[in-house]
Amino acid sequence: MDEATARDEICRIGRSLFERGYVHATAGNISVRFNSSEGGGFLITPTDACLGFLEPARLALLDEDGVQQSGDRASKTIALHRRIYGASLATAAPAHCIVHTHSTHCVGLTLDGAMCDAPQGRELLPALTPYFVMKVGRVPLIGYARPGATEAADAVENTIVRYHAAGTAIRAVMLERLGPTVWHDTPAAAMATLEELEETARLWTMRPAKPAPLDEAQIEELRERFGAIW
């Protein structure tokens, strides 16, 4: 994706998420890694920007080393985003766009302590629906750290590497008490992943009696038929 297209898509996705209540106030951020004839770099939403009112020309432009070149001051989460871009590159789910929100139902699950146990550690949700398995996959829980903390970036990078070593790619993590961070090929695909994750968390929250997850045979069928990365 070229820089001009990336600028427009970040603003379009930000506005859509804001208008439909997936983000609020100045919470959340979006970034894209792009290539151009002059070299690659990153675009990211500015610090304390409302995603519903972004302007393409004011997005923060950084070079491959993370040094800001133009635009308003970059979100402090750029360090985390760059670690995700790097760590996911060798996996089956490399990041080209990253979306982070404070989506209500996902955050609410971490406040309730309603996590599930999984082979690689604690995860946000079990294999509740086929589309969650197909479109989102496993969502590891990253323990609480203040926004922008180096410890969170370290933990996310290590988690991506650990899951990859165990044969499972991931395209989302859940930052405890903060919100989900998802990645995909394009801003539109990342937004769709975020939507599926938040809606699955909402379903889980709505059910007084928690349903059993899909069993391994059902998940394997989704892997074979649809390439699910669970």
Protein backbone atom coordinates (compact mmCIF):
# COMPACT_ATOMS: atom_id res chain seq x y z
CA MET A 1 0.00 0.00 0.00
CA ASP A 2 1.39 3.40 -0.96
CA GLU A 3 1.53 6.34 1.42
CA ALA A 4 -1.36 8.33 -0.08
CA THR A 5 -3.71 5.36 -0.01
CA ALA A 6 -2.64 4.51 3.53
CA ARG A 7 -3.42 8.05 4.72
CA ASP A 8 -6.92 7.93 3.28
CA GLU A 9 -7.63 4.44 4.59
CA ILE A 10 -6.49 5.23 8.14
CA CYS A 11 -8.88 8.20 8.24
CA ARG A 12 -11.76 6.21 6.72
CA ILE A 13 -11.34 3.32 9.16
CA GLY A 14 -10.94 5.65 12.13
CA ARG A 15 -14.14 7.48 11.28
CA SER A 16 -16.06 4.22 10.81
CA LEU A 17 -14.90 2.80 14.14
CA PHE A 18 -15.76 6.04 15.94
CA GLU A 19 -19.19 6.45 14.41
CA ARG A 20 -20.16 2.88 15.35
CA GLY A 21 -18.90 3.09 18.92
CA TYR A 22 -15.82 0.86 18.69
CA VAL A 23 -13.68 3.78 19.88
CA HIS A 24 -14.50 6.86 21.93
CA ALA A 25 -12.96 10.22 22.85
CA THR A 26 -9.22 10.12 22.02
CA ALA A 27 -8.76 6.41 22.75
CA GLY A 28 -7.22 4.06 20.21
CA ASN A 29 -4.74 4.28 17.37
CA ILE A 30 -4.14 2.97 13.86
CA SER A 31 -0.89 2.47 11.97
CA VAL A 32 0.15 1.23 8.54
CA ARG A 33 3.53 0.05 7.33
CA PHE A 34 4.03 1.07 3.71
CA ASN A 35 6.60 0.94 0.94
CA SER A 36 7.32 3.58 -1.66
CA SER A 37 9.89 4.36 -4.33
CA GLU A 38 11.73 6.47 -1.75
CA GLY A 39 11.74 3.71 0.85
CA GLY A 40 9.39 2.42 3.48
CA GLY A 41 8.06 3.79 6.69
CA PHE A 42 5.10 4.03 9.02
CA LEU A 43 2.01 6.16 9.30
CA ILE A 44 0.28 6.34 12.68
CA THR A 45 -2.47 8.42 14.21
CA PRO A 46 -1.23 11.34 16.32
CA THR A 47 -1.16 11.27 20.10
CA ASP A 48 -4.49 12.21 21.73
CA ALA A 49 -6.24 12.30 18.35
CA CYS A 50 -9.92 11.38 18.03
CA LEU A 51 -10.15 8.63 15.42
CA GLY A 52 -13.45 10.04 14.17
CA PHE A 53 -11.91 13.33 13.02
CA LEU A 54 -8.54 12.45 11.51
CA GLU A 55 -6.99 14.49 8.70
CA PRO A 56 -4.74 12.67 6.19
CA ALA A 57 -2.08 15.40 6.12
CA ARG A 58 -1.75 15.47 9.92
CA LEU A 59 -1.02 11.76 10.40
CA ALA A 60 2.46 11.12 11.79
CA LEU A 61 4.96 9.88 9.23
CA LEU A 62 7.99 7.95 10.51
CA ASP A 63 10.88 6.39 8.66
CA GLU A 64 11.92 2.73 8.95
CA ASP A 65 13.94 3.54 12.08
CA GLY A 66 10.91 5.09 13.78
CA VAL A 67 12.16 8.68 13.47
CA GLN A 68 9.30 11.10 12.83
CA GLN A 69 9.49 12.94 9.53
CA SER A 70 6.27 14.97 9.41
CA GLY A 71 2.76 15.37 10.78
CA ASP A 72 1.50 15.79 14.33
CA ARG A 73 3.34 14.04 17.17
CA ALA A 74 3.05 10.27 16.79
CA SER A 75 1.09 8.16 19.25
CA LYS A 76 3.28 6.75 22.01
CA THR A 77 2.17 3.28 20.92
CA ILE A 78 4.39 3.42 17.84
CA ALA A 79 7.06 1.50 19.78
CA LEU A 80 4.61 -1.35 20.38
CA HIS A 81 3.41 -1.25 16.78
CA ARG A 82 6.95 -1.46 15.40
CA ARG A 83 7.64 -4.51 17.59
CA ILE A 84 4.50 -6.20 16.25
CA TYR A 85 5.45 -5.46 12.64
CA GLY A 86 8.89 -6.95 13.21
CA ALA A 87 7.90 -10.00 15.26
CA SER A 88 4.97 -11.00 13.04
CA LEU A 89 6.94 -10.79 9.78
CA ALA A 90 8.05 -14.44 9.84
CA THR A 91 4.64 -15.79 10.88
CA ALA A 92 1.58 -16.83 8.88
CA ALA A 93 -0.11 -13.56 9.93
CA PRO A 94 2.33 -10.72 9.19
CA ALA A 95 1.15 -7.24 10.12
CA HIS A 96 0.76 -4.52 7.50
CA CYS A 97 -1.81 -2.53 9.48
CA ILE A 98 -2.44 -2.42 13.25
CA VAL A 99 -5.57 -1.21 15.06
CA HIS A 100 -5.76 -0.70 18.82
CA THR A 101 -9.00 0.20 20.59
CA HIS A 102 -10.44 0.26 24.09
CA SER A 103 -13.49 -1.73 23.01
CA THR A 104 -15.95 -2.08 25.88
CA HIS A 105 -16.71 -5.79 26.01
CA CYS A 106 -13.11 -6.91 25.48
CA VAL A 107 -11.87 -4.64 28.26
CA GLY A 108 -14.77 -5.72 30.47
CA LEU A 109 -13.70 -9.35 30.28
CA THR A 110 -10.27 -8.48 31.68
CA LEU A 111 -11.88 -6.58 34.56
CA ASP A 112 -13.95 -9.65 35.42
CA GLY A 113 -10.94 -11.93 35.29
CA ALA A 114 -12.90 -14.12 32.87
CA MET A 115 -9.93 -15.48 30.97
CA CYS A 116 -9.55 -19.01 29.61
CA ASP A 117 -6.57 -21.32 29.93
CA ALA A 118 -4.78 -22.34 26.73
CA PRO A 119 -1.62 -24.28 25.80
CA GLN A 120 0.49 -21.11 25.52
CA GLY A 121 -0.99 -19.28 28.52
CA ARG A 122 -4.03 -17.18 29.32
CA GLU A 123 -6.29 -16.10 26.45
CA LEU A 124 -9.26 -13.77 26.22
CA LEU A 125 -11.84 -16.15 24.76
CA PRO A 126 -12.31 -19.82 23.89
CA ALA A 127 -13.22 -21.06 20.40
CA LEU A 128 -16.77 -19.78 20.77
CA THR A 129 -17.96 -19.42 17.16
CA PRO A 130 -16.64 -20.56 13.78
CA TYR A 131 -16.14 -16.99 12.60
CA PHE A 132 -14.14 -16.12 15.70
CA VAL A 133 -11.86 -19.07 14.97
CA MET A 134 -11.67 -18.25 11.25
CA LYS A 135 -11.36 -14.47 11.35
CA VAL A 136 -9.61 -13.74 14.64
CA GLY A 137 -7.91 -16.80 16.09
CA ARG A 138 -6.32 -17.03 19.51
CA VAL A 139 -6.06 -13.81 21.53
CA PRO A 140 -3.38 -14.03 24.25
CA LEU A 141 -3.77 -11.88 27.35
CA ILE A 142 -0.91 -9.47 28.04
CA GLY A 143 -0.65 -8.54 31.72
CA TYR A 144 -1.30 -4.96 32.75
CA ALA A 145 1.32 -2.28 32.14
CA ARG A 146 0.82 1.47 31.83
CA PRO A 147 0.03 2.77 28.33
CA GLY A 148 3.20 2.99 26.26
CA ALA A 149 5.28 0.92 28.71
CA THR A 150 8.28 -0.94 27.31
CA GLU A 151 7.24 -4.01 29.30
CA ALA A 152 4.04 -4.32 27.28
CA ALA A 153 5.94 -4.13 23.97
CA ASP A 154 8.39 -6.77 25.22
CA ALA A 155 5.54 -9.05 26.30
CA VAL A 156 3.67 -8.72 23.01
CA GLU A 157 6.78 -9.40 20.94
CA ASN A 158 7.66 -12.44 23.07
CA THR A 159 4.11 -13.73 22.79
CA ILE A 160 4.09 -13.53 18.99
CA VAL A 161 7.41 -15.40 18.89
CA ARG A 162 6.24 -18.01 21.42
CA TYR A 163 3.03 -18.79 19.57
CA HIS A 164 4.88 -18.97 16.26
CA ALA A 165 7.39 -21.41 17.73
CA ALA A 166 4.48 -23.59 18.89
CA GLY A 167 3.06 -23.62 15.36
CA THR A 168 0.28 -21.06 15.80
CA ALA A 169 0.23 -17.60 14.27
CA ILE A 170 -1.79 -14.89 15.98
CA ARG A 171 -3.24 -11.64 14.69
CA ALA A 172 -4.45 -10.15 17.97
CA VAL A 173 -3.47 -9.68 21.61
CA MET A 174 -5.46 -8.30 24.51
CA LEU A 175 -3.80 -5.71 26.74
CA GLU A 176 -5.28 -6.15 30.21
CA ARG A 177 -7.48 -3.20 31.25
CA LEU A 178 -6.58 -1.34 28.05
CA GLY A 179 -7.94 -3.09 24.99
CA PRO A 180 -7.34 -5.29 21.97
CA THR A 181 -4.58 -4.77 19.44
CA VAL A 182 -5.19 -6.49 16.10
CA TRP A 183 -3.30 -6.62 12.83
CA HIS A 184 -3.88 -7.72 9.25
CA ASP A 185 -3.00 -7.01 5.61
CA THR A 186 -5.04 -3.81 5.22
CA PRO A 187 -6.86 -1.30 7.43
CA ALA A 188 -10.21 -2.72 6.31
CA ALA A 189 -9.17 -6.28 7.18
CA ALA A 190 -7.81 -5.19 10.56
CA MET A 191 -11.07 -3.38 11.30
CA ALA A 192 -13.08 -6.50 10.44
CA THR A 193 -10.90 -8.56 12.78
CA LEU A 194 -11.46 -6.06 15.58
CA GLU A 195 -15.21 -6.09 14.98
CA GLU A 196 -15.40 -9.89 15.11
CA LEU A 197 -13.36 -9.94 18.32
CA GLU A 198 -15.49 -7.33 20.08
CA GLU A 199 -18.76 -8.98 18.99
CA THR A 200 -17.55 -12.35 20.25
CA ALA A 201 -16.64 -10.77 23.59
CA ARG A 202 -20.13 -9.25 23.70
CA LEU A 203 -21.72 -12.66 23.09
CA TRP A 204 -19.62 -14.19 25.86
CA THR A 205 -20.62 -11.40 28.25
CA MET A 206 -24.32 -11.76 27.44
CA ARG A 207 -24.52 -15.46 28.27
CA PRO A 208 -25.22 -16.20 31.97
CA ALA A 209 -24.28 -19.84 31.41
CA LYS A 210 -21.08 -20.09 29.40
CA PRO A 211 -21.37 -22.42 26.38
CA ALA A 212 -18.84 -25.11 25.61
CA PRO A 213 -16.29 -24.13 22.96
CA LEU A 214 -16.01 -25.81 19.58
CA ASP A 215 -14.23 -29.13 19.92
CA GLU A 216 -10.93 -30.01 18.25
CA ALA A 217 -12.56 -31.86 15.35
CA GLN A 218 -14.72 -28.83 14.55
CA ILE A 219 -11.72 -26.52 14.74
CA GLU A 220 -9.65 -28.82 12.52
CA GLU A 221 -12.40 -28.71 9.90
CA LEU A 222 -12.21 -24.90 9.95
CA ARG A 223 -8.44 -25.11 9.48
CA GLU A 224 -8.80 -27.47 6.51
CA ARG A 225 -11.69 -25.71 4.79
CA PHE A 226 -10.95 -22.05 5.54
CA GLY A 227 -7.30 -21.84 6.58
CA ALA A 228 -8.13 -20.82 10.16
CA ILE A 229 -4.94 -20.04 12.10
CA TRP A 230 -6.30 -21.31 15.45
